[in-house]
Every structure is written in C-alpha cells, then in structure tokens.
Amino acid sequence: MSDTNHSRTLRDIPLSVLDLAPIIQGGTATDSFRNSLDLALHVERWGFLRYWLAEHHSMPSVASSATSVLIGHIAGGTTNLRVGSGGIMLPNHSPLVIAEQFGTLESLYPGRIDLGLGRAPGSDQRTARALRRDMRIGGEDFPELLEELRDYLRPRTEGTSTGVRAIPGEGLNIPIWLLGSSDFSARLAGLLGLPFAFAGHFSPNYMQTALQTYRHCFRPSEMLDTPYAMVGVNVMAADTDEKAQRLATSHFQAFLNIVRGNLQPIQPPVDNMDELWTEFEKISVQSQLRSSVIGSPDTVKQGLEDLLAATQADELMITTQMYHHADRIRSFEIVADIWKS
C-alpha cells in the first residue's frame, strides 16, 4: 500500500478527517453532534476516505468522550465514509468491551469501521482514575491489552470456543490501527505489521523519528505487505491568509488554556493573541502547533505539499478547530478543492 515515489502529490493520496466534536462557548454537545454529522456529510460528498473521532474526557471543549456511540451516529447518517476512532484509549477500557462495541458497529455498518487505538489516557490522572478500576493498568501494559483485544476478534474454529468470547466481534474484519505521538506505538505497529497514524497535529517534534521507526521496524502481516503511515495535521483554511490566521486564534486559545490548566469551550477568534499570552506561553503553544497549515488556498496547498514531501505519508488526516461551524465547513471545502485541483 505504501508508495515511495517522492514525486507523489496531494492528489495521489487519500485525505481523511479527525473530529473531536468541539463544543464552542455558548454551545452544547447537541449542537456539536449535529455539526459533526453535517461535516461528515460534506466531506463524504467531497470524497474524503475516513472520519475518525477522538476519545477525550473531562474537557469542556470536546464532546466525543463516548467515542463508540458517536461513531455509530456518524456511520448511521452517512453512506460510504469509513468511520472510526482516532482513537480509543485502550488502557481506559476492558479489551472485551471494545471488541464487543466495535463488533457491534462492524455488524451494523459492514466494511466501514476502523479501530484506531492509543495508549495515552486522553485525560488527566484524576479523570483516568475515575475511568479505570485499576490504576495499575496503564500505557506500559498496552501491548498486552492490544493482544487480548486482537484475540477476541480472531475467528474461532470448531472445538476452540471455550473461554470468553466477543459476540459480536469474533471473526469480523475490523482494521486495527495504532496511534502515537512518539516512537513507542510506531515500533509496535511496525513489528505487528499494522497501519500507523502519527499525531502530527500536536506532537510535530517526534514526527520524523516515529515515521522512520515505524518503517524500519515493519514486518509484513496478513493485514499489510508494506508500511502504511497516516499523519494528522491541523489545517485552518480561509479565503485569505489574514482571515485564516484570525480564525486559527480559537485553536491557539484552546492550547493556551491547556498550558494554563484552565480548560474551557472553544473560544471566539480574537484580533491579537499577544494580548492573551505571555512570551513563554506563545513559544510553548507554537512549538506544539508548528506543523499546522494556516492560510489561503495557495498557502494551504503549499503547506500540505511540503508536509507530504517531508513525511512521505500514505494518507493525511485533517483536523480543524474553528469557532463558527460555517468557517469549519469552508476550510474543508478549500482543502477538498486543493486536493482535486
């Protein structure tokens, strides 16, 4: 599946969407879910391949905490999109429950469900404690939890049906992806011959190392003959560079609030971020978001082509945080136009 041709352009690869079902200041989760389905319908029409939802907890700006439930909502409202998790944070859950949930989703929407898995908590330690009955289970146990989950999904032959079974789940072809923001999951994905998705949208400093590790460690499997790497990227597109930069300030404020430990819904854009952050905070936020692509159609096209050239990704997953839903839709429309041009 991987293409090592360095002349490959944006039009040669699939584009997909990562959605956190953002809750804006003055909005509700109901609004967020309505907007997510509307965005999914638009990007399906524009030819995007996947629509993934991310698991986060105890965050006033994120409504996708019950990720499997929301996947069902999006899959039920669309026709062709692959819908999945970007990702399920496996240490938060019993592998059996995840096998059953995704077995149910795959049974309802055959051939359209992806199971992306991460090993981070997707929350702070206090929230992680509320989610887990046993805090001894954590990221270091991820390989064992992953193997348990994969075992539940394997077909059972005659005479091997003793023990715990995931029904629905076992024997279903549910693609498993490993997600990461460092090289841990990259190495594991390579060794297991699984596709790998890197969180370039918030961890750009480790991107090249993780991708190189994944490709170096890759061993062919029943699922993949060659490595398949997807890279997440923040894209804030608008009709002019100036408008895009202003709309992006909502995203900057969200990360600033994380730095400050002052979590809030997505805030309206502002004219000048320098009135809100200190120089240290500015450096911190910009370091995490330095791979973001922000600007007019020409600027965004160049930024995405540069990212593709640097990473040789097999697929890009676009995430866009904006205050106004109409601006978010327009941003994806611009990306779609660039992609097809």
Protein backbone atom coordinates (compact mmCIF):
# COMPACT_ATOMS: atom_id res chain seq x y z
CA MET A 1 0.00 0.00 0.00
CA SER A 2 2.92 2.35 0.58
CA ASP A 3 4.26 4.48 -2.24
CA THR A 4 7.87 5.58 -2.07
CA ASN A 5 7.70 7.77 -5.16
CA HIS A 6 8.97 11.15 -3.96
CA SER A 7 7.19 12.94 -6.82
CA ARG A 8 3.81 11.99 -5.36
CA THR A 9 1.48 14.95 -4.89
CA LEU A 10 -1.52 15.65 -2.71
CA ARG A 11 -3.96 14.36 -5.32
CA ASP A 12 -2.23 10.95 -5.22
CA ILE A 13 -3.17 10.14 -1.61
CA PRO A 14 -6.42 9.83 0.38
CA LEU A 15 -7.49 12.57 2.75
CA SER A 16 -9.43 11.92 5.94
CA VAL A 17 -10.90 13.82 8.90
CA LEU A 18 -10.22 13.78 12.63
CA ASP A 19 -13.06 15.27 14.68
CA LEU A 20 -13.26 16.00 18.41
CA ALA A 21 -16.90 17.15 18.18
CA PRO A 22 -15.85 20.57 19.52
CA ILE A 23 -18.09 22.40 21.98
CA ILE A 24 -17.94 26.16 21.50
CA GLN A 25 -18.51 28.89 24.06
CA GLY A 26 -22.30 29.23 24.32
CA GLY A 27 -22.91 25.91 22.53
CA THR A 28 -23.97 22.45 23.69
CA ALA A 29 -22.98 18.85 22.98
CA THR A 30 -26.22 18.54 21.00
CA ASP A 31 -25.00 21.33 18.71
CA SER A 32 -21.63 19.61 18.39
CA PHE A 33 -23.12 16.29 17.33
CA ARG A 34 -25.36 17.98 14.77
CA ASN A 35 -22.35 19.85 13.38
CA SER A 36 -20.21 16.70 13.26
CA LEU A 37 -22.79 14.85 11.20
CA ASP A 38 -23.15 17.86 8.90
CA LEU A 39 -19.37 17.97 8.40
CA ALA A 40 -19.31 14.21 7.76
CA LEU A 41 -21.96 14.55 5.07
CA HIS A 42 -19.98 17.34 3.39
CA VAL A 43 -16.64 15.53 3.38
CA GLU A 44 -18.28 12.30 2.22
CA ARG A 45 -19.61 14.19 -0.79
CA TRP A 46 -16.16 15.68 -1.39
CA GLY A 47 -14.53 12.24 -1.46
CA PHE A 48 -12.72 12.03 1.87
CA LEU A 49 -11.94 8.44 2.90
CA ARG A 50 -12.31 8.32 6.70
CA TYR A 51 -13.99 10.20 9.51
CA TRP A 52 -12.43 9.44 12.89
CA LEU A 53 -13.47 10.62 16.34
CA ALA A 54 -11.11 11.04 19.27
CA GLU A 55 -11.58 9.89 22.87
CA HIS A 56 -11.02 12.62 25.44
CA HIS A 57 -12.60 13.01 28.85
CA SER A 58 -13.43 15.82 31.27
CA MET A 59 -12.73 18.50 28.66
CA PRO A 60 -15.36 21.25 28.23
CA SER A 61 -14.31 21.72 24.58
CA VAL A 62 -14.65 18.06 23.50
CA ALA A 63 -17.93 16.12 23.14
CA SER A 64 -16.53 12.86 21.72
CA SER A 65 -15.96 11.13 25.07
CA ALA A 66 -18.41 8.27 24.34
CA THR A 67 -16.49 7.61 21.14
CA SER A 68 -18.13 4.34 20.07
CA VAL A 69 -21.62 5.82 20.46
CA LEU A 70 -20.72 8.81 18.31
CA ILE A 71 -19.11 6.59 15.66
CA GLY A 72 -22.46 4.83 15.35
CA HIS A 73 -24.23 8.18 14.96
CA ILE A 74 -21.90 9.32 12.16
CA ALA A 75 -21.88 5.94 10.39
CA GLY A 76 -25.68 5.78 10.56
CA GLY A 77 -26.03 9.20 8.98
CA THR A 78 -23.58 8.62 6.13
CA THR A 79 -23.28 6.04 3.35
CA ASN A 80 -19.70 5.48 2.16
CA LEU A 81 -17.33 7.03 4.70
CA ARG A 82 -15.14 4.76 6.77
CA VAL A 83 -15.89 5.83 10.34
CA GLY A 84 -13.68 5.02 13.28
CA SER A 85 -11.74 6.01 16.36
CA GLY A 86 -8.76 8.27 16.38
CA GLY A 87 -8.52 6.81 18.83
CA ILE A 88 -9.89 4.64 21.57
CA MET A 89 -7.51 4.92 24.54
CA LEU A 90 -7.25 1.21 25.27
CA PRO A 91 -5.90 1.41 28.85
CA ASN A 92 -9.18 3.13 29.81
CA HIS A 93 -11.25 0.11 28.81
CA SER A 94 -11.69 -3.63 29.04
CA PRO A 95 -10.48 -5.12 25.74
CA LEU A 96 -13.58 -7.34 25.72
CA VAL A 97 -15.89 -4.31 25.85
CA ILE A 98 -14.06 -2.64 22.95
CA ALA A 99 -14.21 -5.88 20.94
CA GLU A 100 -17.97 -6.07 21.56
CA GLN A 101 -18.58 -2.39 20.79
CA PHE A 102 -16.66 -2.45 17.52
CA GLY A 103 -18.05 -5.86 16.66
CA THR A 104 -21.49 -4.30 17.03
CA LEU A 105 -20.50 -1.30 14.88
CA GLU A 106 -18.99 -3.52 12.17
CA SER A 107 -22.13 -5.69 12.21
CA LEU A 108 -24.32 -2.61 11.76
CA TYR A 109 -22.09 -0.92 9.15
CA PRO A 110 -20.11 -3.72 7.45
CA GLY A 111 -16.84 -2.76 5.81
CA ARG A 112 -16.92 0.82 7.11
CA ILE A 113 -15.49 0.69 10.65
CA ASP A 114 -11.88 1.40 11.71
CA LEU A 115 -10.48 0.77 15.19
CA GLY A 116 -7.67 3.19 15.95
CA LEU A 117 -6.03 2.57 19.33
CA GLY A 118 -3.89 4.75 21.57
CA ARG A 119 -2.14 4.09 24.85
CA ALA A 120 -2.41 7.56 26.43
CA PRO A 121 -5.18 8.26 28.98
CA GLY A 122 -6.80 11.02 26.91
CA SER A 123 -7.29 12.89 30.17
CA ASP A 124 -5.55 13.92 33.38
CA GLN A 125 -4.65 11.45 36.12
CA ARG A 126 -7.69 12.23 38.25
CA THR A 127 -10.02 11.56 35.31
CA ALA A 128 -8.06 8.43 34.43
CA ARG A 129 -8.67 7.17 37.97
CA ALA A 130 -12.40 7.79 37.54
CA LEU A 131 -12.37 5.81 34.29
CA ARG A 132 -10.33 2.84 35.47
CA ARG A 133 -10.99 0.46 38.32
CA ASP A 134 -7.31 -0.49 38.46
CA MET A 135 -4.74 2.29 38.08
CA ARG A 136 -2.01 -0.34 37.74
CA ILE A 137 -3.19 -0.74 34.15
CA GLY A 138 -1.57 1.93 32.02
CA GLY A 139 0.43 2.68 28.91
CA GLU A 140 3.13 0.14 29.76
CA ASP A 141 0.50 -2.62 29.55
CA PHE A 142 -0.68 -1.53 26.12
CA PRO A 143 0.93 -4.41 24.15
CA GLU A 144 -0.77 -6.98 26.40
CA LEU A 145 -4.14 -5.22 26.21
CA LEU A 146 -3.78 -5.00 22.42
CA GLU A 147 -3.05 -8.72 22.12
CA GLU A 148 -6.06 -9.55 24.30
CA LEU A 149 -8.28 -7.38 22.09
CA ARG A 150 -6.95 -8.90 18.88
CA ASP A 151 -7.52 -12.38 20.29
CA TYR A 152 -11.20 -11.60 20.91
CA LEU A 153 -11.56 -10.55 17.26
CA ARG A 154 -9.88 -13.63 15.77
CA PRO A 155 -12.08 -16.31 14.18
CA ARG A 156 -12.87 -19.32 16.37
CA THR A 157 -12.68 -22.72 14.71
CA GLU A 158 -14.73 -25.77 15.63
CA GLY A 159 -13.79 -27.03 19.05
CA THR A 160 -11.97 -23.84 20.17
CA SER A 161 -14.98 -21.95 21.50
CA THR A 162 -14.21 -22.40 25.19
CA GLY A 163 -13.47 -19.35 27.29
CA VAL A 164 -14.61 -15.75 26.97
CA ARG A 165 -15.85 -14.70 23.54
CA ALA A 166 -16.67 -11.33 21.98
CA ILE A 167 -20.07 -11.71 20.33
CA PRO A 168 -20.48 -9.77 18.12
CA GLY A 169 -16.82 -9.28 17.37
CA GLU A 170 -15.00 -12.53 16.82
CA GLY A 171 -14.17 -13.33 13.22
CA LEU A 172 -15.03 -9.86 11.93
CA ASN A 173 -12.59 -7.97 9.73
CA ILE A 174 -12.14 -4.75 11.71
CA PRO A 175 -8.93 -2.95 10.69
CA ILE A 176 -6.82 -2.06 13.74
CA TRP A 177 -4.57 1.00 13.59
CA LEU A 178 -2.05 2.07 16.21
CA LEU A 179 -1.90 5.78 17.00
CA GLY A 180 1.02 7.55 18.56
CA SER A 181 2.75 10.82 19.37
CA SER A 182 6.17 9.20 19.96
CA ASP A 183 8.03 6.12 18.71
CA PHE A 184 6.54 3.54 21.13
CA SER A 185 3.41 2.74 19.13
CA ALA A 186 5.33 3.31 15.89
CA ARG A 187 7.70 0.46 16.77
CA LEU A 188 4.87 -1.80 17.93
CA ALA A 189 2.80 -1.12 14.80
CA GLY A 190 5.79 -1.94 12.63
CA LEU A 191 6.58 -5.19 14.43
CA LEU A 192 2.94 -6.31 14.20
CA GLY A 193 2.50 -5.21 10.58
CA LEU A 194 -0.32 -2.79 11.41
CA PRO A 195 -1.04 0.63 9.90
CA PHE A 196 0.24 3.57 11.96
CA ALA A 197 -1.22 7.06 12.47
CA PHE A 198 1.02 9.77 13.90
CA ALA A 199 -0.38 12.72 15.85
CA GLY A 200 1.44 15.40 13.91
CA HIS A 201 -1.27 17.89 14.81
CA PHE A 202 0.04 18.19 18.39
CA SER A 203 3.42 16.40 18.50
CA PRO A 204 5.41 17.57 15.47
CA ASN A 205 8.80 17.27 17.19
CA TYR A 206 8.70 13.46 17.14
CA MET A 207 7.11 13.04 13.72
CA GLN A 208 10.13 12.10 11.62
CA THR A 209 11.60 9.84 14.30
CA ALA A 210 8.32 7.95 14.72
CA LEU A 211 7.77 7.51 10.99
CA GLN A 212 11.32 6.31 10.44
CA THR A 213 11.00 3.89 13.36
CA TYR A 214 7.74 2.50 12.00
CA ARG A 215 9.10 1.92 8.52
CA HIS A 216 12.37 0.46 9.81
CA CYS A 217 10.62 -1.98 12.17
CA PHE A 218 7.86 -3.00 9.77
CA ARG A 219 7.23 -6.69 9.22
CA PRO A 220 4.63 -7.83 6.67
CA SER A 221 1.42 -9.26 8.11
CA GLU A 222 -1.91 -10.65 6.97
CA MET A 223 -3.18 -7.06 7.01
CA LEU A 224 -0.31 -5.25 5.25
CA ASP A 225 2.51 -6.20 2.90
CA THR A 226 4.22 -2.82 3.24
CA PRO A 227 4.09 0.05 5.78
CA TYR A 228 1.11 2.38 5.71
CA ALA A 229 1.52 5.66 7.61
CA MET A 230 -1.05 8.36 8.14
CA VAL A 231 -0.15 11.79 9.54
CA GLY A 232 -2.52 14.09 11.40
CA VAL A 233 -2.32 17.80 10.62
CA ASN A 234 -4.14 20.92 11.78
CA VAL A 235 -5.48 22.86 8.81
CA MET A 236 -7.16 26.25 9.13
CA ALA A 237 -8.03 27.43 5.63
CA ALA A 238 -9.92 30.55 4.60
CA ASP A 239 -10.20 32.76 1.54
CA THR A 240 -7.28 34.96 2.67
CA ASP A 241 -4.21 34.43 4.82
CA GLU A 242 -5.36 37.16 7.18
CA LYS A 243 -8.76 35.61 7.78
CA ALA A 244 -7.27 32.16 8.30
CA GLN A 245 -4.79 33.48 10.85
CA ARG A 246 -7.60 35.16 12.76
CA LEU A 247 -9.81 32.06 12.72
CA ALA A 248 -6.87 29.99 13.95
CA THR A 249 -6.75 32.01 17.17
CA SER A 250 -9.62 29.90 18.52
CA HIS A 251 -7.35 26.86 18.23
CA PHE A 252 -4.42 28.75 19.76
CA GLN A 253 -6.61 29.73 22.71
CA ALA A 254 -7.62 26.10 23.23
CA PHE A 255 -3.98 25.02 23.54
CA LEU A 256 -3.17 28.07 25.68
CA ASN A 257 -5.91 27.01 28.08
CA ILE A 258 -4.40 23.51 28.23
CA VAL A 259 -1.00 25.03 29.06
CA ARG A 260 -2.64 27.07 31.82
CA GLY A 261 -4.74 24.17 33.11
CA ASN A 262 -7.82 26.31 32.54
CA LEU A 263 -9.96 24.18 30.26
CA GLN A 264 -12.85 25.96 28.51
CA PRO A 265 -15.12 25.52 25.50
CA ILE A 266 -13.75 26.71 22.14
CA GLN A 267 -13.49 30.49 22.29
CA PRO A 268 -14.32 33.04 19.56
CA PRO A 269 -11.39 34.26 17.44
CA VAL A 270 -9.51 37.37 18.52
CA ASP A 271 -7.59 40.04 16.64
CA ASN A 272 -4.35 39.77 18.61
CA MET A 273 -3.13 36.72 20.55
CA ASP A 274 -0.29 38.79 22.01
CA GLU A 275 -2.87 40.40 24.27
CA LEU A 276 -3.67 36.97 25.74
CA TRP A 277 -0.44 35.01 26.11
CA THR A 278 2.98 35.63 27.61
CA GLU A 279 6.09 35.14 25.51
CA PHE A 280 6.76 31.79 27.21
CA GLU A 281 3.18 30.64 26.57
CA LYS A 282 3.42 31.74 22.95
CA ILE A 283 6.58 29.69 22.42
CA SER A 284 5.02 26.66 24.12
CA VAL A 285 1.82 26.74 22.07
CA GLN A 286 3.57 27.48 18.79
CA SER A 287 6.01 24.61 19.39
CA GLN A 288 3.16 22.13 19.72
CA LEU A 289 1.30 23.55 16.73
CA ARG A 290 4.25 24.35 14.47
CA SER A 291 3.22 21.82 11.81
CA SER A 292 -0.20 23.48 11.44
CA VAL A 293 -1.12 24.67 7.97
CA ILE A 294 -2.92 28.03 8.12
CA GLY A 295 -3.83 30.36 5.29
CA SER A 296 -5.41 30.98 1.92
CA PRO A 297 -5.88 28.22 -0.66
CA ASP A 298 -2.43 28.81 -2.17
CA THR A 299 -0.76 28.87 1.26
CA VAL A 300 -2.54 25.71 2.39
CA LYS A 301 -1.75 23.86 -0.82
CA GLN A 302 1.95 24.63 -0.43
CA GLY A 303 1.88 23.69 3.26
CA LEU A 304 0.24 20.33 2.63
CA GLU A 305 2.54 19.53 -0.28
CA ASP A 306 5.55 20.38 1.91
CA LEU A 307 4.27 18.13 4.70
CA LEU A 308 3.71 15.29 2.25
CA ALA A 309 7.20 15.69 0.82
CA ALA A 310 8.74 15.72 4.32
CA THR A 311 6.84 12.71 5.67
CA GLN A 312 6.03 10.63 2.56
CA ALA A 313 2.73 9.88 4.31
CA ASP A 314 0.39 7.44 2.64
CA GLU A 315 -2.60 9.45 3.90
CA LEU A 316 -3.22 12.77 5.63
CA MET A 317 -5.84 13.20 8.35
CA ILE A 318 -7.09 16.77 8.60
CA THR A 319 -8.34 18.25 11.86
CA THR A 320 -9.80 21.75 12.06
CA GLN A 321 -10.88 23.60 15.19
CA MET A 322 -12.84 26.78 14.49
CA TYR A 323 -15.45 28.65 16.46
CA HIS A 324 -18.05 29.02 13.71
CA HIS A 325 -19.27 25.82 12.05
CA ALA A 326 -19.64 27.59 8.70
CA ASP A 327 -15.94 28.57 8.79
CA ARG A 328 -15.00 24.97 9.56
CA ILE A 329 -17.05 23.70 6.62
CA ARG A 330 -15.46 26.31 4.36
CA SER A 331 -11.98 25.26 5.49
CA PHE A 332 -12.63 21.65 4.49
CA GLU A 333 -14.17 22.80 1.21
CA ILE A 334 -10.95 24.67 0.40
CA VAL A 335 -8.89 21.58 1.24
CA ALA A 336 -11.16 19.47 -1.00
CA ASP A 337 -10.74 21.94 -3.88
CA ILE A 338 -6.96 21.95 -3.45
CA TRP A 339 -6.88 18.17 -3.31
CA LYS A 340 -8.83 17.73 -6.54
CA SER A 341 -7.12 20.53 -8.48
